[in-house]
Protein backbone atom coordinates (compact mmCIF):
# COMPACT_ATOMS: atom_id res chain seq x y z
CA MET A 1 -44.74 36.88 97.04
CA GLN A 2 -42.15 34.59 97.38
CA ASN A 3 -42.95 32.33 95.32
CA VAL A 4 -43.48 34.44 92.21
CA ALA A 5 -39.83 35.77 93.05
CA ARG A 6 -38.81 32.06 93.18
CA PHE A 7 -40.48 31.89 89.47
CA TRP A 8 -38.47 34.92 88.09
CA ILE A 9 -35.41 33.79 89.63
CA PHE A 10 -35.85 30.44 87.99
CA CYS A 11 -36.59 32.05 84.70
CA MET A 12 -33.38 34.30 84.90
CA LEU A 13 -31.35 30.92 85.15
CA CYS A 14 -32.93 29.07 82.45
CA VAL A 15 -32.96 31.47 79.15
CA PRO A 16 -29.18 31.75 79.24
CA LEU A 17 -29.56 27.49 79.64
CA LEU A 18 -31.60 27.68 76.67
CA LEU A 19 -30.08 29.86 74.43
CA LEU A 20 -26.55 27.95 74.94
CA LEU A 21 -28.33 24.91 74.34
CA ALA A 22 -29.46 26.52 71.14
CA CYS A 23 -26.13 27.35 70.06
CA CYS A 24 -24.63 24.29 70.71
CA THR A 25 -27.31 22.44 68.68
CA GLU A 26 -26.79 24.85 65.76
CA GLN A 27 -23.33 24.56 65.71
CA ASP A 28 -23.31 20.48 65.23
CA VAL A 29 -25.94 20.88 62.40
CA GLU A 30 -23.40 23.16 60.81
CA ALA A 31 -20.28 20.83 61.55
CA ASN A 32 -22.09 17.66 60.21
CA ALA A 33 -23.00 19.59 57.16
CA ALA A 34 -19.53 20.52 56.95
CA ALA A 35 -18.16 17.15 57.24
CA GLU A 36 -20.44 15.59 54.82
CA PRO A 37 -18.53 15.40 51.66
CA LYS A 38 -19.57 16.77 48.43
CA PRO A 39 -19.99 15.14 45.21
CA VAL A 40 -16.93 16.07 42.72
CA ARG A 41 -18.14 16.77 38.97
CA VAL A 42 -15.99 14.69 36.36
CA GLY A 43 -16.58 14.19 32.26
CA VAL A 44 -16.87 11.00 31.39
CA MET A 45 -17.54 8.66 28.43
CA THR A 46 -18.86 4.73 28.27
CA ALA A 47 -16.24 2.53 27.03
CA GLN A 48 -18.05 1.44 23.49
CA PRO A 49 -16.07 -1.99 21.67
CA GLN A 50 -14.97 -0.74 17.79
CA ALA A 51 -13.29 -1.77 14.65
CA VAL A 52 -9.81 -0.89 14.91
CA THR A 53 -7.19 -1.50 12.77
CA VAL A 54 -3.52 -0.72 13.85
CA TYR A 55 -0.89 0.75 11.26
CA ASP A 56 2.73 1.07 11.06
CA GLU A 57 4.28 4.01 9.61
CA LEU A 58 7.03 3.19 6.95
CA PRO A 59 8.79 4.90 4.80
CA GLY A 60 8.87 4.01 0.70
CA ARG A 61 10.06 4.93 -2.28
CA VAL A 62 7.74 4.87 -5.40
CA SER A 63 8.83 2.51 -8.45
CA ALA A 64 7.17 2.46 -11.73
CA PHE A 65 3.87 -0.33 -12.25
CA ARG A 66 6.37 -1.19 -15.86
CA THR A 67 9.51 0.08 -17.63
CA ALA A 68 10.78 -0.33 -20.83
CA GLU A 69 13.84 0.89 -21.83
CA ILE A 70 14.04 0.99 -26.07
CA ARG A 71 16.70 0.30 -27.71
CA PRO A 72 17.35 -0.53 -31.24
CA GLN A 73 17.01 -4.01 -32.70
CA VAL A 74 18.94 -3.16 -35.90
CA SER A 75 21.81 -0.74 -37.00
CA GLY A 76 21.67 2.91 -38.77
CA ILE A 77 21.37 6.42 -38.94
CA ILE A 78 18.06 7.92 -36.65
CA GLN A 79 15.89 10.20 -39.78
CA LYS A 80 13.49 11.09 -37.38
CA LYS A 81 12.67 11.29 -33.67
CA LEU A 82 8.44 11.05 -33.69
CA PHE A 83 7.74 11.82 -30.07
CA GLN A 84 7.89 14.66 -27.35
CA GLU A 85 9.68 14.06 -24.16
CA GLY A 86 8.05 14.01 -21.41
CA SER A 87 4.40 12.91 -22.98
CA PHE A 88 2.19 9.94 -23.02
CA VAL A 89 2.96 7.62 -25.74
CA GLY A 90 0.85 4.51 -26.46
CA ALA A 91 1.75 0.88 -26.84
CA ASP A 92 3.10 0.09 -30.22
CA VAL A 93 3.57 4.03 -31.02
CA PRO A 94 6.34 4.94 -33.89
CA LEU A 95 9.31 6.61 -31.43
CA PHE A 96 12.46 6.73 -33.66
CA GLN A 97 12.92 5.80 -37.62
CA ILE A 98 15.94 4.61 -38.60
CA ASP A 99 17.10 5.12 -42.14
CA PRO A 100 14.94 2.13 -44.19
CA SER A 101 16.94 2.15 -47.71
CA PRO A 102 19.71 -0.31 -46.87
CA PHE A 103 17.33 -2.40 -45.33
CA GLU A 104 14.54 -1.80 -48.18
CA ALA A 105 18.03 -2.85 -50.27
CA ASP A 106 18.23 -6.23 -48.56
CA VAL A 107 14.75 -7.02 -49.25
CA ASP A 108 14.73 -6.69 -52.51
CA ALA A 109 17.98 -8.87 -52.77
CA ALA A 110 16.11 -11.40 -51.01
CA SER A 111 13.43 -11.59 -52.66
CA ALA A 112 15.20 -11.95 -56.20
CA ALA A 113 16.95 -14.53 -54.30
CA LEU A 114 13.63 -16.32 -53.42
CA SER A 115 12.56 -15.77 -57.39
CA ARG A 116 15.70 -17.46 -58.06
CA ALA A 117 15.23 -20.38 -55.94
CA GLU A 118 11.60 -21.44 -56.90
CA ALA A 119 12.44 -20.98 -60.65
CA GLU A 120 15.19 -23.54 -59.96
CA PHE A 121 12.48 -25.88 -57.78
CA VAL A 122 9.83 -25.77 -60.91
CA ASN A 123 12.68 -26.75 -63.28
CA ALA A 124 13.95 -29.88 -60.51
CA LYS A 125 10.34 -30.16 -60.56
CA VAL A 126 9.64 -31.08 -64.37
CA LYS A 127 12.74 -32.88 -64.64
CA PHE A 128 11.97 -35.17 -62.02
CA GLU A 129 8.71 -35.80 -63.16
CA ARG A 130 10.58 -36.93 -66.58
CA ALA A 131 13.14 -39.02 -65.09
CA GLU A 132 10.29 -40.63 -62.84
CA LEU A 133 8.07 -41.34 -66.58
CA LEU A 134 11.09 -42.82 -68.21
CA SER A 135 12.16 -45.00 -65.60
CA ALA A 136 8.50 -46.26 -64.87
CA GLN A 137 8.99 -47.34 -68.74
CA LYS A 138 12.12 -49.04 -68.55
CA ILE A 139 13.91 -46.30 -70.61
CA THR A 140 16.28 -45.08 -68.04
CA SER A 141 18.15 -46.24 -65.04
CA ASP A 142 17.15 -45.80 -61.50
CA GLU A 143 20.30 -43.65 -61.15
CA ALA A 144 19.14 -40.53 -63.57
CA LEU A 145 16.02 -41.17 -60.77
CA ASN A 146 17.40 -40.92 -57.71
CA ASN A 147 19.52 -37.79 -58.79
CA ALA A 148 16.48 -35.71 -60.24
CA THR A 149 14.65 -36.39 -56.64
CA ALA A 150 17.83 -35.56 -54.33
CA THR A 151 17.90 -32.09 -57.07
CA LEU A 152 14.13 -31.77 -56.62
CA ALA A 153 14.58 -31.99 -52.91
CA GLN A 154 17.55 -29.22 -53.15
CA ALA A 155 15.29 -27.23 -54.82
CA LYS A 156 12.53 -27.36 -52.22
CA ALA A 157 15.10 -26.39 -49.82
CA SER A 158 16.22 -23.33 -51.04
CA VAL A 159 12.79 -22.00 -51.68
CA ALA A 160 12.78 -22.55 -47.63
CA GLU A 161 15.50 -21.09 -47.56
CA ALA A 162 15.38 -18.01 -49.30
CA THR A 163 11.74 -17.49 -47.70
CA ALA A 164 13.25 -17.56 -44.69
CA ASN A 165 16.04 -14.80 -45.52
CA LEU A 166 13.34 -12.52 -47.00
CA THR A 167 11.12 -12.80 -43.96
CA ARG A 168 14.00 -11.76 -41.81
CA ARG A 169 14.88 -8.93 -44.45
CA LYS A 170 11.23 -7.50 -43.82
CA LEU A 171 11.87 -8.20 -40.12
CA GLU A 172 14.86 -5.57 -40.13
CA LEU A 173 12.78 -3.64 -42.37
CA SER A 174 10.07 -3.41 -40.21
CA ASN A 175 12.46 -2.75 -37.11
CA ALA A 176 13.95 0.07 -38.87
CA THR A 177 11.07 1.90 -36.80
CA ILE A 178 11.44 0.97 -33.34
CA ARG A 179 7.63 1.21 -31.58
CA SER A 180 6.81 1.22 -27.94
CA PRO A 181 5.81 -1.74 -26.43
CA ILE A 182 3.93 -0.55 -23.91
CA SER A 183 1.94 2.37 -23.00
CA GLY A 184 3.42 5.09 -20.69
CA MET A 185 5.27 8.34 -20.03
CA ILE A 186 8.29 8.43 -22.13
CA GLY A 187 11.20 10.73 -20.50
CA GLN A 188 14.30 11.91 -22.16
CA SER A 189 15.55 11.04 -25.59
CA PHE A 190 19.33 9.71 -25.66
CA MET A 191 19.79 9.79 -29.00
CA THR A 192 18.76 12.63 -31.79
CA GLU A 193 18.78 12.93 -35.54
CA GLY A 194 21.80 12.05 -37.17
CA GLY A 195 23.06 9.76 -34.65
CA LEU A 196 23.96 6.17 -35.24
CA ALA A 197 22.28 3.87 -33.29
CA SER A 198 23.68 0.26 -32.64
CA SER A 199 21.96 -2.90 -31.76
CA SER A 200 24.87 -3.82 -29.54
CA GLY A 201 24.83 -0.66 -27.70
CA SER A 202 23.99 -0.45 -24.08
CA ALA A 203 22.85 2.76 -23.56
CA PRO A 204 18.87 2.94 -24.26
CA LEU A 205 17.58 5.52 -26.78
CA ALA A 206 14.67 6.15 -24.22
CA VAL A 207 12.81 5.12 -21.17
CA ILE A 208 9.24 4.44 -20.74
CA GLN A 209 7.46 3.85 -17.60
CA GLN A 210 3.76 3.04 -16.85
CA ILE A 211 2.91 4.94 -13.93
CA ASP A 212 -0.92 5.30 -14.04
CA GLN A 213 -0.67 2.98 -11.26
CA VAL A 214 3.02 2.31 -9.10
CA TYR A 215 4.51 0.01 -6.70
CA VAL A 216 5.40 0.93 -3.13
CA ASP A 217 8.61 -0.92 -1.69
CA VAL A 218 8.78 -1.00 2.28
CA ARG A 219 9.70 -2.81 4.78
CA GLN A 220 8.58 -4.04 7.78
CA SER A 221 9.30 -5.82 10.84
CA SER A 222 8.55 -9.66 10.69
CA MET A 223 6.56 -9.59 14.60
CA SER A 224 4.68 -6.92 13.30
CA LEU A 225 3.63 -9.58 9.90
CA GLU A 226 3.16 -12.08 12.68
CA SER A 227 1.26 -10.04 14.97
CA LEU A 228 -1.21 -9.10 12.22
CA ARG A 229 -1.99 -12.62 11.47
CA GLU A 230 -2.56 -13.26 14.81
CA THR A 231 -5.12 -10.70 15.29
CA ALA A 232 -6.72 -11.45 12.27
CA SER A 233 -7.60 -14.75 12.97
CA GLY A 234 -9.83 -13.81 15.26
CA SER A 235 -11.88 -11.19 13.76
CA ASP A 236 -13.92 -11.05 9.89
CA VAL A 237 -10.73 -10.52 7.65
CA GLU A 238 -10.77 -13.34 5.31
CA ASP A 239 -6.84 -12.42 4.21
CA PRO A 240 -4.92 -9.89 6.52
CA GLU A 241 -2.45 -9.22 3.89
CA LYS A 242 -5.03 -7.57 1.69
CA LEU A 243 -6.16 -4.81 4.05
CA PRO A 244 -5.79 -1.19 1.95
CA VAL A 245 -2.67 0.26 2.71
CA LYS A 246 -2.88 4.32 3.64
CA ILE A 247 -0.46 6.42 1.63
CA LYS A 248 1.22 9.66 2.82
CA THR A 249 2.99 11.92 0.38
CA ILE A 250 6.09 13.72 0.96
CA THR A 251 4.75 16.70 2.59
CA ASP A 252 2.66 14.07 5.09
CA LYS A 253 -0.59 14.91 3.53
CA PRO A 254 -3.10 12.02 3.02
CA TYR A 255 -3.01 10.60 -0.25
CA ALA A 256 -6.15 10.15 -2.08
CA HIS A 257 -6.11 6.29 -3.19
CA THR A 258 -5.24 3.02 -1.00
CA GLY A 259 -2.61 0.66 -2.06
CA THR A 260 -2.72 -3.08 -1.48
CA ILE A 261 0.10 -5.55 -0.48
CA VAL A 262 0.93 -7.51 -3.68
CA PHE A 263 4.19 -9.35 -2.80
CA SER A 264 6.21 -10.06 0.79
CA ASP A 265 8.94 -11.71 0.34
CA ILE A 266 9.89 -15.42 1.62
CA SER A 267 12.83 -14.33 3.75
CA VAL A 268 13.29 -12.29 6.32
CA ASP A 269 16.63 -9.93 6.65
CA SER A 270 18.39 -11.62 9.52
CA ALA A 271 20.52 -8.09 10.26
CA THR A 272 17.12 -5.88 10.35
CA GLY A 273 14.37 -9.07 11.16
CA SER A 274 12.34 -6.86 8.25
CA LEU A 275 10.80 -7.96 5.02
CA ALA A 276 10.33 -6.68 2.38
CA ILE A 277 6.28 -5.65 1.46
CA ARG A 278 5.41 -4.16 -1.92
CA ILE A 279 2.57 -2.67 -2.67
CA VAL A 280 0.84 -1.21 -5.37
CA VAL A 281 -1.20 2.02 -5.15
CA PRO A 282 -3.66 3.70 -7.83
CA ASN A 283 -2.11 6.62 -9.76
CA SER A 284 -4.21 8.52 -12.38
CA GLU A 285 -3.30 11.57 -10.97
CA ASN A 286 0.15 10.94 -11.76
CA GLN A 287 0.87 12.61 -8.06
CA LEU A 288 3.24 10.18 -7.47
CA MET A 289 6.65 9.48 -9.13
CA PRO A 290 9.38 7.10 -9.73
CA GLY A 291 11.87 7.64 -7.13
CA MET A 292 9.57 9.48 -4.81
CA PHE A 293 9.88 8.69 -1.21
CA VAL A 294 6.38 8.39 0.98
CA ARG A 295 5.05 6.37 4.19
CA ALA A 296 2.85 3.92 3.74
CA LEU A 297 0.91 2.84 6.75
CA VAL A 298 0.54 -0.73 7.08
CA PRO A 299 -1.54 -2.99 8.97
CA ARG A 300 0.07 -4.35 12.02
CA GLU A 301 -2.78 -5.41 14.41
CA VAL A 302 -6.84 -6.16 13.43
CA HIS A 303 -9.39 -5.89 16.19
CA SER A 304 -13.08 -6.01 15.53
CA ALA A 305 -13.91 -5.09 19.30
CA ALA A 306 -11.14 -2.81 20.33
CA LEU A 307 -11.88 -0.70 23.16
CA LEU A 308 -10.34 2.81 22.63
CA VAL A 309 -9.94 5.62 25.76
CA PRO A 310 -8.77 9.53 25.00
CA GLN A 311 -4.92 10.12 26.28
CA GLU A 312 -6.10 12.38 28.58
CA ALA A 313 -8.09 10.15 30.57
CA VAL A 314 -4.99 7.99 31.30
CA MET A 315 -3.01 8.26 34.97
CA ARG A 316 0.16 6.93 36.51
CA ASP A 317 1.20 5.69 39.90
CA LEU A 318 4.02 6.51 41.40
CA THR A 319 5.81 3.91 39.93
CA GLY A 320 4.64 4.87 36.34
CA LYS A 321 1.84 2.53 35.71
CA PRO A 322 -0.86 3.53 33.51
CA GLN A 323 -4.17 3.58 35.58
CA LEU A 324 -7.76 4.84 34.72
CA VAL A 325 -10.71 6.52 37.18
CA ILE A 326 -13.87 3.98 37.12
CA VAL A 327 -16.78 5.43 37.96
CA THR A 328 -18.45 2.36 39.96
CA ALA A 329 -22.14 1.69 39.92
CA LYS A 330 -22.79 3.34 43.47
CA LYS A 331 -21.45 6.59 41.34
CA THR A 332 -17.95 6.41 43.23
CA SER A 333 -14.37 6.48 42.08
CA GLU A 334 -11.88 3.54 41.72
CA LYS A 335 -8.51 3.89 40.54
CA ARG A 336 -7.89 0.36 37.96
CA LEU A 337 -4.17 -0.03 36.82
CA VAL A 338 -4.83 -1.30 32.60
CA GLU A 339 -2.59 -2.25 30.12
CA LEU A 340 -2.20 0.00 26.93
CA GLY A 341 -1.32 -0.66 23.20
CA PRO A 342 -0.36 1.87 20.81
CA LEU A 343 -1.66 5.37 20.66
CA ILE A 344 -4.14 5.76 18.13
CA ASP A 345 -5.16 9.54 17.08
CA ARG A 346 -4.81 10.33 20.63
CA ASN A 347 -6.63 7.77 21.94
CA TYR A 348 -5.21 4.56 23.56
CA LEU A 349 -6.09 1.16 23.09
CA VAL A 350 -6.83 -0.50 26.17
CA ARG A 351 -5.65 -4.15 26.35
CA ARG A 352 -6.45 -5.32 29.52
CA GLY A 353 -7.96 -3.94 32.55
CA LEU A 354 -11.27 -2.38 31.37
CA SER A 355 -14.72 -4.23 29.83
CA ALA A 356 -17.07 -2.82 28.03
CA GLY A 357 -19.80 -0.90 28.94
CA GLU A 358 -17.71 0.64 31.56
CA THR A 359 -17.52 4.32 32.49
CA ILE A 360 -14.23 6.24 32.41
CA VAL A 361 -13.57 9.82 33.82
CA VAL A 362 -11.72 11.88 31.11
CA GLN A 363 -11.99 14.87 32.62
CA GLY A 364 -11.01 16.06 36.02
CA GLN A 365 -9.86 12.76 37.58
CA GLU A 366 -6.78 14.64 38.69
CA ARG A 367 -9.32 16.10 41.64
CA VAL A 368 -10.40 12.76 42.60
CA ARG A 369 -9.63 10.32 45.29
CA SER A 370 -10.38 6.36 45.24
CA GLY A 371 -14.33 6.15 46.50
CA GLN A 372 -15.00 9.28 46.57
CA LEU A 373 -18.74 10.54 45.60
CA LEU A 374 -18.91 11.60 41.89
CA GLU A 375 -21.19 14.05 39.92
CA THR A 376 -20.71 12.61 36.17
CA LEU A 377 -21.07 14.51 32.77
CA PRO A 378 -21.44 12.90 29.93
CA VAL A 379 -18.42 13.86 27.36
CA GLN A 380 -18.04 13.12 23.53
CA PRO A 381 -14.87 10.86 22.62
CA ALA A 382 -12.67 12.57 19.87
CA PRO A 383 -13.27 11.14 16.40
CA ASP A 384 -10.81 8.20 15.36
CA THR A 385 -9.81 9.01 11.97
CA GLN A 386 -7.67 5.61 11.68
CA SER A 387 -9.69 2.72 12.59
């Protein structure tokens, strides 16, 4: 009986101890589970090398491919204007007609003078042949033969002079019709019918400009040109200065055609450190007009295997230096300082600190600490429109 009582007393003492031990064990498990870090979910992308061209956006001015000032070569009264202002004219098309009457009279006079000189030449030739025959028969003196020879030579020279004068008068008559030297758009006429056109005048009668292709003149830093040659030396670009140049209109819209650099100045401006560059641009739609201001995207760097990262992936440390969050092989985070290049359509070009194939955090990096476990989700990079 006493043993049974002792047993029940022992059970009553052990049950609370067992319950207390169970509670402590459960709390330890919960504490350990709470202390174990959870992975942070982030958006990532893999850095892949790609061909990239970096541009300098420079202001430029449009000028005509060819410009011809229409000036008279002879003086006279304009009878007709043979074109419509602002229209296209072809090469050798008549533009103005100067009164041809004085020039026609000069042609007739020169033609008559040529006929007279030819008649005198025939007469001198006959006299020379007669004097030559008589001299051979010892009938006349050598002096008579010499005089006949000189007269024949003078008559021959007179024919040549009259022929040249007739040619000149005919040329003046043809110049009374003023023709277009090139094909292009003709502008305002500065002379109307009845006006006196002077060959010594300083003002042109009209101006023709060929604008089916145009020039865009810009100035680029000499350092940019040197940088272009350095980066292109390691790529497959044969001539970096022949790379296409993109054009933006005055409304900042992309132009449909690209241009080509055709001229770079041989000297650098000592005041600005820049040099003049001329770009030829197709203009079949006549969208670019001479005198218009545009913006030219001139190549500055060429990279055959550049690494681009989105702008939102870049963080700054306390000193302002750029850094990226790299995903290690163990799916943990690593903050790394990098050297950035230019910003290309919301993507930074990374010069140093990042290798091809490495994974970087693009979204959620502000919630990540160094060495923290990560849960990664792929993020599609933004398309690059300037490479």
